[in-house]
N, C-alpha and C. Protein backbone atom coordinates (compact mmCIF):
# COMPACT_ATOMS: atom_id res chain seq x y z
N MET A 1 29.99 -9.32 45.60
CA MET A 1 28.99 -8.81 45.48
C MET A 1 28.47 -7.73 44.74
N ASN A 2 29.21 -6.94 44.49
CA ASN A 2 29.63 -5.52 44.28
C ASN A 2 30.00 -5.25 42.98
N ALA A 3 30.80 -6.30 42.40
CA ALA A 3 30.93 -6.79 41.31
C ALA A 3 29.80 -6.79 40.07
N PHE A 4 29.39 -8.23 40.76
CA PHE A 4 27.68 -8.54 40.89
C PHE A 4 27.15 -7.14 39.83
N LEU A 5 26.37 -6.59 40.81
CA LEU A 5 25.86 -4.95 40.74
C LEU A 5 26.63 -4.19 39.84
N LEU A 6 27.69 -4.34 40.00
CA LEU A 6 28.39 -3.31 38.74
C LEU A 6 27.88 -3.87 37.36
N SER A 7 28.29 -4.75 36.68
CA SER A 7 28.35 -5.36 35.56
C SER A 7 26.69 -5.26 35.20
N ASN A 8 25.94 -5.50 36.47
CA ASN A 8 24.61 -5.44 35.97
C ASN A 8 23.31 -4.19 36.09
N LYS A 9 24.14 -3.03 35.94
CA LYS A 9 23.37 -1.92 36.60
C LYS A 9 22.03 -2.26 35.75
N ASN A 10 22.08 -2.60 34.46
CA ASN A 10 20.35 -2.02 33.69
C ASN A 10 19.41 -3.18 34.61
N LEU A 11 19.91 -4.33 34.63
CA LEU A 11 19.28 -5.49 34.70
C LEU A 11 18.37 -5.18 36.35
N LEU A 12 19.34 -4.71 37.47
CA LEU A 12 19.02 -3.72 38.52
C LEU A 12 18.28 -2.67 38.72
N THR A 13 18.35 -1.55 37.48
CA THR A 13 17.08 -1.56 36.82
C THR A 13 16.21 -1.25 36.96
N TYR A 14 16.30 -2.39 35.56
CA TYR A 14 14.77 -2.24 35.10
C TYR A 14 14.14 -3.30 36.66
N SER A 15 14.82 -4.08 37.32
CA SER A 15 13.98 -4.75 38.43
C SER A 15 13.74 -3.58 39.10
N LEU A 16 14.06 -2.67 39.18
CA LEU A 16 13.54 -1.79 40.27
C LEU A 16 11.90 -0.90 39.76
N ILE A 17 12.60 -0.55 38.75
CA ILE A 17 11.45 0.20 37.97
C ILE A 17 10.32 -0.71 37.77
N PHE A 18 9.93 -2.23 37.86
CA PHE A 18 9.41 -3.24 37.51
C PHE A 18 8.79 -3.14 38.82
N LEU A 19 9.05 -3.10 39.94
CA LEU A 19 8.74 -3.62 40.86
C LEU A 19 7.45 -2.38 41.61
N MET A 20 8.96 -1.19 41.48
CA MET A 20 8.06 -0.12 41.62
C MET A 20 6.09 -0.14 41.68
N ILE A 21 6.81 -0.26 39.31
CA ILE A 21 5.51 0.10 38.93
C ILE A 21 3.98 -1.24 39.71
N SER A 22 4.27 -2.39 39.58
CA SER A 22 3.28 -3.25 40.18
C SER A 22 3.27 -3.18 41.14
N THR A 23 4.12 -2.56 42.60
CA THR A 23 3.14 -2.45 43.70
C THR A 23 2.29 -1.21 43.74
N LEU A 24 2.52 -0.23 42.40
CA LEU A 24 2.38 1.15 42.67
C LEU A 24 0.76 1.49 41.72
N PHE A 25 0.86 0.44 40.54
CA PHE A 25 -0.39 -0.29 39.77
C PHE A 25 -0.99 -1.41 39.59
N GLY A 26 -0.84 -2.01 40.07
CA GLY A 26 -0.64 -3.33 40.27
C GLY A 26 -0.28 -4.38 38.62
N PHE A 27 -0.14 -5.29 38.79
CA PHE A 27 -0.14 -6.17 37.66
C PHE A 27 -1.27 -6.50 36.68
N LYS A 28 -2.53 -5.90 36.96
CA LYS A 28 -3.06 -6.23 36.01
C LYS A 28 -3.05 -5.02 35.26
N PHE A 29 -2.77 -3.99 35.55
CA PHE A 29 -2.27 -2.42 34.54
C PHE A 29 -1.05 -3.30 33.48
N LEU A 30 0.03 -3.89 34.55
CA LEU A 30 1.93 -4.08 33.93
C LEU A 30 0.96 -4.67 32.61
N ILE A 31 -0.34 -5.85 33.13
CA ILE A 31 -0.55 -7.02 32.18
C ILE A 31 -0.67 -6.15 30.52
N SER A 32 -1.97 -5.53 30.82
CA SER A 32 -2.06 -4.10 30.06
C SER A 32 -2.02 -3.16 28.93
N PHE A 33 -0.74 -2.69 29.39
CA PHE A 33 0.09 -2.17 29.59
C PHE A 33 1.41 -2.78 28.34
N LEU A 34 1.63 -4.23 28.52
CA LEU A 34 2.57 -4.61 27.73
C LEU A 34 1.30 -5.35 26.75
N GLY A 35 -0.18 -5.65 26.57
CA GLY A 35 -0.78 -5.93 25.79
C GLY A 35 -0.86 -4.98 24.59
N ASN A 36 -1.22 -3.42 25.69
CA ASN A 36 -0.97 -2.53 24.41
C ASN A 36 0.79 -2.21 23.85
N ILE A 37 1.19 -2.89 23.95
CA ILE A 37 2.76 -2.54 23.16
C ILE A 37 3.09 -4.05 21.83
N LEU A 38 1.95 -4.47 22.55
CA LEU A 38 2.71 -5.89 21.83
C LEU A 38 1.68 -5.14 20.37
N LEU A 39 0.35 -5.24 20.70
CA LEU A 39 -0.76 -4.81 19.22
C LEU A 39 -0.56 -3.38 18.87
N LEU A 40 0.64 -2.43 19.49
CA LEU A 40 1.14 -1.24 18.82
C LEU A 40 1.88 -2.40 17.75
N VAL A 41 3.21 -2.94 18.40
CA VAL A 41 4.43 -3.18 17.20
C VAL A 41 3.34 -4.57 16.30
N PHE A 42 2.12 -4.99 16.31
CA PHE A 42 1.33 -5.89 15.08
C PHE A 42 0.50 -4.64 13.81
N LEU A 43 0.33 -4.05 15.48
CA LEU A 43 -1.12 -2.36 13.86
C LEU A 43 -0.42 -1.57 13.47
N ILE A 44 0.95 -1.40 13.63
CA ILE A 44 1.40 0.04 13.14
C ILE A 44 2.14 -0.48 12.12
N PRO A 45 2.53 -1.45 11.80
CA PRO A 45 3.15 -2.35 10.02
C PRO A 45 1.52 -2.38 9.17
N ILE A 46 0.74 -3.13 10.01
CA ILE A 46 -0.53 -2.16 8.79
C ILE A 46 -2.06 -1.83 8.96
N LEU A 47 -1.66 -0.49 9.29
CA LEU A 47 -1.30 0.65 9.13
C LEU A 47 -1.06 1.31 8.37
N ILE A 48 0.17 1.19 8.71
CA ILE A 48 1.25 1.91 7.05
C ILE A 48 1.38 1.00 5.90
N ILE A 49 1.37 -0.33 6.07
CA ILE A 49 1.04 -0.88 4.15
C ILE A 49 -0.66 -0.63 4.25
N LEU A 50 -1.69 0.09 4.58
CA LEU A 50 -2.47 0.41 3.74
C LEU A 50 -3.05 1.69 3.71
N ILE A 51 -1.95 2.57 4.47
CA ILE A 51 -1.93 3.98 3.56
C ILE A 51 -1.19 3.24 2.12
N LEU A 52 -0.38 2.95 2.54
CA LEU A 52 0.80 2.63 0.81
C LEU A 52 0.26 1.96 0.32
N PHE A 53 -0.46 1.38 0.44
CA PHE A 53 -1.82 0.93 -0.89
C PHE A 53 -2.70 1.39 -1.71
N PHE A 54 -3.31 2.49 -0.85
CA PHE A 54 -4.20 3.54 -0.88
C PHE A 54 -3.42 4.52 -1.50
N GLY A 55 -2.27 4.72 -1.49
CA GLY A 55 -1.65 5.89 -1.83
C GLY A 55 -1.34 5.51 -3.12
N ILE A 56 -0.54 3.92 -3.65
CA ILE A 56 -0.43 3.55 -5.25
C ILE A 56 -2.14 3.77 -5.79
N ASN A 57 -2.74 3.31 -5.51
CA ASN A 57 -4.15 3.24 -6.35
C ASN A 57 -4.55 3.92 -6.44
N SER A 58 -3.96 5.33 -5.89
CA SER A 58 -5.50 6.59 -6.02
C SER A 58 -3.60 7.02 -7.62
N PHE A 59 -2.20 7.12 -7.45
CA PHE A 59 -1.56 7.09 -7.85
C PHE A 59 -1.69 6.67 -9.60
N LYS A 60 -1.98 4.94 -9.40
CA LYS A 60 -2.34 4.70 -10.82
C LYS A 60 -3.09 5.21 -11.21
N SER A 61 -4.14 5.71 -10.73
CA SER A 61 -5.51 6.68 -11.31
C SER A 61 -5.41 7.36 -12.26
N LYS A 62 -4.48 7.97 -11.72
CA LYS A 62 -3.75 9.52 -12.60
C LYS A 62 -2.57 9.59 -13.77
N ILE A 63 -2.47 7.65 -14.14
CA ILE A 63 -1.42 7.59 -14.82
C ILE A 63 -2.53 7.39 -16.18
N LYS A 64 -2.18 8.68 -17.13
CA LYS A 64 -2.33 7.80 -18.42
C LYS A 64 -2.05 7.97 -19.48
N THR A 65 -2.59 6.61 -20.56
CA THR A 65 -1.36 6.18 -21.49
C THR A 65 -1.89 6.19 -22.90
N CYS A 66 -1.02 6.80 -23.77
CA CYS A 66 -1.43 7.04 -25.08
C CYS A 66 -1.80 6.18 -25.19
N THR A 67 -2.99 6.02 -26.37
CA THR A 67 -2.81 5.08 -27.73
C THR A 67 -2.26 5.10 -29.06
N LYS A 68 -2.17 6.62 -29.42
CA LYS A 68 -0.80 6.63 -30.58
C LYS A 68 0.20 5.90 -30.05
N CYS A 69 0.79 6.48 -29.73
CA CYS A 69 2.66 6.96 -28.86
C CYS A 69 2.41 5.65 -28.42
N GLY A 70 1.74 5.48 -26.89
CA GLY A 70 2.34 4.57 -26.26
C GLY A 70 2.90 5.14 -24.85
N SER A 71 3.62 6.58 -24.73
CA SER A 71 4.46 7.26 -23.95
C SER A 71 3.32 7.67 -22.75
N ILE A 72 3.89 7.65 -21.27
CA ILE A 72 3.07 7.50 -20.04
C ILE A 72 2.99 9.18 -19.67
N SER A 73 2.13 9.06 -19.59
CA SER A 73 1.36 10.60 -19.02
C SER A 73 1.08 11.02 -17.12
N ILE A 74 1.60 11.89 -16.44
CA ILE A 74 0.84 11.80 -14.80
C ILE A 74 0.40 12.74 -14.45
N SER A 75 0.60 13.71 -15.35
CA SER A 75 0.37 15.24 -15.95
C SER A 75 -1.29 15.47 -15.67
N ALA A 76 -1.86 16.50 -15.60
CA ALA A 76 -3.02 16.61 -15.76
C ALA A 76 -3.61 17.26 -16.73
N ASP A 77 -2.82 17.90 -17.47
CA ASP A 77 -2.64 18.29 -18.71
C ASP A 77 -3.44 17.15 -19.58
N ASN A 78 -4.72 17.55 -20.54
CA ASN A 78 -5.09 16.56 -21.86
C ASN A 78 -4.49 16.41 -22.75
N THR A 79 -3.64 16.57 -23.02
CA THR A 79 -2.49 16.29 -24.57
C THR A 79 -1.76 15.46 -23.73
N CYS A 80 -1.24 15.15 -24.86
CA CYS A 80 -0.31 13.61 -25.14
C CYS A 80 1.38 14.61 -25.02
N ILE A 81 2.36 13.98 -24.23
CA ILE A 81 3.44 15.59 -24.51
C ILE A 81 4.75 14.98 -25.65
N ASN A 82 3.99 13.29 -26.62
CA ASN A 82 4.86 12.63 -27.08
C ASN A 82 4.41 13.47 -28.77
N CYS A 83 3.32 13.11 -28.62
CA CYS A 83 2.78 13.31 -29.68
C CYS A 83 1.81 14.47 -29.84
N GLY A 84 1.27 15.26 -29.18
CA GLY A 84 -0.04 16.08 -28.91
C GLY A 84 -1.56 14.98 -29.15
N SER A 85 -2.20 13.60 -28.50
CA SER A 85 -3.01 13.95 -29.39
C SER A 85 -3.58 13.93 -28.04
N GLU A 86 -4.77 13.72 -28.21
CA GLU A 86 -5.58 14.23 -26.49
C GLU A 86 -6.04 12.47 -26.65
N PHE A 87 -5.74 13.19 -24.77
CA PHE A 87 -6.23 11.93 -23.91
C PHE A 87 -8.09 11.36 -24.32
N GLU A 88 -8.70 12.53 -24.04
CA GLU A 88 -10.24 12.73 -24.46
C GLU A 88 -11.24 11.93 -24.82
N SER A 89 -10.15 13.05 -26.59
CA SER A 89 -10.63 11.57 -27.41
C SER A 89 -10.51 10.37 -27.32
N GLN A 90 -9.49 10.18 -26.71
CA GLN A 90 -8.70 8.56 -26.96
C GLN A 90 -9.05 8.08 -25.90
N LYS A 91 -9.94 8.29 -25.06
CA LYS A 91 -11.13 7.37 -23.94
C LYS A 91 -12.45 7.57 -24.66
N ASN A 92 -13.18 8.23 -25.41
CA ASN A 92 -14.85 8.11 -26.16
C ASN A 92 -14.68 6.96 -27.28
N ASN A 93 -12.90 7.22 -28.43
CA ASN A 93 -12.94 5.62 -29.33
C ASN A 93 -12.96 4.71 -28.56
N GLY A 94 -11.93 4.62 -27.57
CA GLY A 94 -11.92 3.24 -27.33
C GLY A 94 -13.27 3.01 -25.84
N ASN A 95 -14.45 3.77 -25.59
CA ASN A 95 -15.86 4.01 -25.64
C ASN A 95 -16.56 2.55 -26.43
N ASN A 96 -16.37 3.63 -27.53
CA ASN A 96 -17.42 3.34 -28.61
C ASN A 96 -17.17 1.65 -28.44
N LEU A 97 -16.23 1.32 -28.78
CA LEU A 97 -16.11 0.22 -29.23
C LEU A 97 -16.44 -1.14 -27.92
N ILE A 98 -16.28 -0.86 -27.38
CA ILE A 98 -17.11 -1.35 -25.77
C ILE A 98 -18.81 -1.71 -25.98
N ASN A 99 -19.32 -0.51 -27.06
CA ASN A 99 -20.75 -0.30 -26.73
C ASN A 99 -21.31 -0.48 -27.83
N ASN A 100 -20.35 -1.34 -29.12
CA ASN A 100 -21.01 -1.99 -29.39
C ASN A 100 -19.88 -2.99 -30.01
N PRO A 101 -19.92 -4.35 -29.21
CA PRO A 101 -18.55 -4.90 -29.16
C PRO A 101 -19.01 -6.02 -31.09
N GLY A 102 -20.13 -5.88 -31.43
CA GLY A 102 -20.43 -7.01 -32.92
C GLY A 102 -18.59 -6.75 -33.74
N GLU A 103 -18.20 -5.39 -33.67
CA GLU A 103 -18.45 -4.35 -34.51
C GLU A 103 -17.02 -5.66 -34.77
N SER A 104 -16.18 -5.65 -33.21
CA SER A 104 -15.12 -6.32 -33.45
C SER A 104 -14.54 -7.32 -32.53
N THR A 105 -15.64 -7.95 -33.54
CA THR A 105 -15.99 -9.69 -33.58
C THR A 105 -14.95 -10.41 -34.86
N ILE A 106 -14.15 -11.09 -34.46
CA ILE A 106 -14.27 -11.96 -35.95
C ILE A 106 -14.72 -12.93 -36.34
N ASP A 107 -14.97 -13.80 -37.33
CA ASP A 107 -15.34 -15.00 -38.04
C ASP A 107 -13.93 -15.68 -37.65
N VAL A 108 -14.62 -16.94 -37.19
CA VAL A 108 -13.65 -17.58 -37.90
C VAL A 108 -14.23 -19.37 -38.74
N GLN A 109 -13.29 -19.87 -39.49
CA GLN A 109 -14.12 -20.76 -40.03
C GLN A 109 -13.24 -21.94 -39.53
N ALA A 110 -13.06 -22.95 -39.17
CA ALA A 110 -13.14 -24.67 -39.45
C ALA A 110 -13.13 -24.96 -40.82
N GLU A 111 -11.70 -25.49 -40.82
CA GLU A 111 -10.91 -26.06 -41.71
C GLU A 111 -10.62 -27.64 -41.72
N GLU A 112 -10.55 -28.93 -42.11
CA GLU A 112 -9.86 -30.11 -41.20
C GLU A 112 -8.84 -29.76 -42.77
N VAL A 113 -7.70 -30.44 -42.06
CA VAL A 113 -6.15 -30.19 -42.47
C VAL A 113 -6.04 -31.97 -42.72
N ASN A 114 -5.27 -32.08 -43.96
CA ASN A 114 -5.50 -33.58 -43.98
C ASN A 114 -3.76 -34.05 -44.05
């Protein structure tokens, strides 16, 4: 019996802790405590994923791409690092195309192939 107790110290310790908690606070407390631990195990990863999602989206909104040279800039500066063109003027040119979609359409004529 002595060898059994020496080899299973952890089992004996956790059993005594379980019995003390269950007699002092009751089984309802123990079940709610285990339920809260399970909720934390599932909810903390979801919270971390949401924080990463919002962080990546805010980072994406700060990225500017130059339409003349194609370089990518994350800085708050309004000029391109490579070619020196301004990002604000590029945005205004892009908005003109959206306001006048008829100027950017292409007329296509069908021809019969023999």
